[in-house]
Amino acid sequence: MEIDGIKIKTVGFEPSHAELKEYVEFVKHKVGNVDSITATLVDDGWIDINYTKHNPKFERIRRITGYLSGTLDTWNNAKKSEERDRVKHTGGNQNEGLE
């Protein structure tokens, strides 16, 4: 079954459509959008809810001249120039060539 584009699998019970929708809303509220949900009936009638979240979106955030920035879109020309001219480190061996 699928609700709001999220695949739902149940193990050990057959919930109503309304109950499945509640599970989807619960997970979306806690962790945001997910790809799939598995709801499993466990001891004493409790439901164990597991979810998968694939391909999370990553945004590069850098500390440049004292500012945290994802993009330079809103920067003026002076700040863009400062970023372009700075020394960029590769993370290699810092002692290399220092003998």
Protein backbone atom coordinates (compact mmCIF):
# COMPACT_ATOMS: atom_id res chain seq x y z
CA MET A 1 0.00 0.00 0.00
CA GLU A 2 1.07 3.61 -0.50
CA ILE A 3 -0.05 6.80 1.26
CA ASP A 4 1.18 10.27 0.28
CA GLY A 5 3.88 8.68 -1.89
CA ILE A 6 5.24 6.60 1.00
CA LYS A 7 5.26 2.80 0.67
CA ILE A 8 3.80 1.11 3.74
CA LYS A 9 4.25 -2.53 4.75
CA THR A 10 2.56 -4.12 7.75
CA VAL A 11 3.65 -7.29 9.52
CA GLY A 12 1.37 -9.32 11.79
CA PHE A 13 -1.77 -7.17 11.51
CA GLU A 14 -4.08 -5.42 9.06
CA PRO A 15 -4.74 -1.82 10.11
CA SER A 16 -7.38 0.44 8.65
CA HIS A 17 -6.50 3.08 6.08
CA ALA A 18 -7.01 5.77 8.75
CA GLU A 19 -4.55 4.02 11.10
CA LEU A 20 -1.94 3.78 8.33
CA LYS A 21 -2.39 7.47 7.63
CA GLU A 22 -1.72 8.18 11.32
CA TYR A 23 1.55 6.21 11.13
CA VAL A 24 2.59 8.23 8.08
CA GLU A 25 1.78 11.54 9.77
CA PHE A 26 3.63 10.46 12.93
CA VAL A 27 6.81 9.58 11.03
CA LYS A 28 6.64 12.69 8.83
CA HIS A 29 6.28 14.85 11.95
CA LYS A 30 9.26 13.18 13.66
CA VAL A 31 11.76 12.84 10.78
CA GLY A 32 10.34 14.52 7.68
CA ASN A 33 9.71 12.77 4.41
CA VAL A 34 10.65 9.11 4.11
CA ASP A 35 10.55 6.56 1.30
CA SER A 36 8.94 3.66 3.14
CA ILE A 37 7.51 2.58 6.48
CA THR A 38 7.26 -0.89 7.99
CA ALA A 39 4.82 -1.29 10.88
CA THR A 40 5.20 -4.55 12.83
CA LEU A 41 2.90 -5.87 15.56
CA VAL A 42 4.99 -6.78 18.61
CA ASP A 43 4.22 -8.09 22.11
CA ASP A 44 1.23 -6.69 24.02
CA GLY A 45 -0.25 -5.01 20.93
CA TRP A 46 2.51 -2.44 20.47
CA ILE A 47 3.44 -1.39 16.95
CA ASP A 48 7.11 -1.10 16.01
CA ILE A 49 7.58 1.49 13.26
CA ASN A 50 10.71 1.47 11.09
CA TYR A 51 11.36 3.75 8.15
CA THR A 52 13.87 4.22 5.36
CA LYS A 53 15.11 7.49 4.02
CA HIS A 54 17.16 7.36 0.83
CA ASN A 55 19.19 10.02 -0.94
CA PRO A 56 19.09 12.72 1.69
CA LYS A 57 19.75 16.14 0.25
CA PHE A 58 23.04 17.61 1.39
CA GLU A 59 23.93 21.23 1.23
CA ARG A 60 27.55 22.26 1.43
CA ILE A 61 28.11 24.71 4.26
CA ARG A 62 31.45 26.45 4.54
CA ARG A 63 32.96 28.83 7.02
CA ILE A 64 34.37 31.65 4.94
CA THR A 65 35.84 34.78 6.45
CA GLY A 66 33.96 34.15 9.69
CA TYR A 67 30.55 33.45 8.10
CA LEU A 68 28.70 30.17 7.64
CA SER A 69 27.42 30.03 4.11
CA GLY A 70 25.80 27.47 1.81
CA THR A 71 26.01 29.55 -1.35
CA LEU A 72 27.57 32.84 -2.30
CA ASP A 73 24.48 34.12 -4.14
CA THR A 74 23.81 36.94 -1.70
CA TRP A 75 27.43 38.02 -1.27
CA ASN A 76 28.70 41.31 -2.66
CA ASN A 77 31.63 41.41 -5.10
CA ALA A 78 34.19 42.15 -2.37
CA LYS A 79 33.23 39.06 -0.34
CA LYS A 80 33.13 36.90 -3.48
CA SER A 81 36.62 38.11 -4.37
CA GLU A 82 37.84 37.38 -0.85
CA GLU A 83 36.50 33.83 -1.10
CA ARG A 84 38.02 33.31 -4.57
CA ASP A 85 41.47 34.54 -3.46
CA ARG A 86 41.77 32.59 -0.21
CA VAL A 87 44.13 29.63 0.19
CA LYS A 88 42.23 26.37 -0.10
CA HIS A 89 43.60 23.39 1.84
CA THR A 90 43.29 19.85 0.51
CA GLY A 91 43.55 18.01 3.83
CA GLY A 92 46.65 16.08 2.78
CA ASN A 93 49.68 15.36 4.93
CA GLN A 94 50.63 18.69 6.53
CA ASN A 95 54.21 17.58 7.22
CA GLU A 96 54.85 16.56 3.64
CA GLY A 97 58.05 18.12 2.28
CA LEU A 98 59.13 19.54 5.65
CA GLU A 99 62.29 17.51 6.22
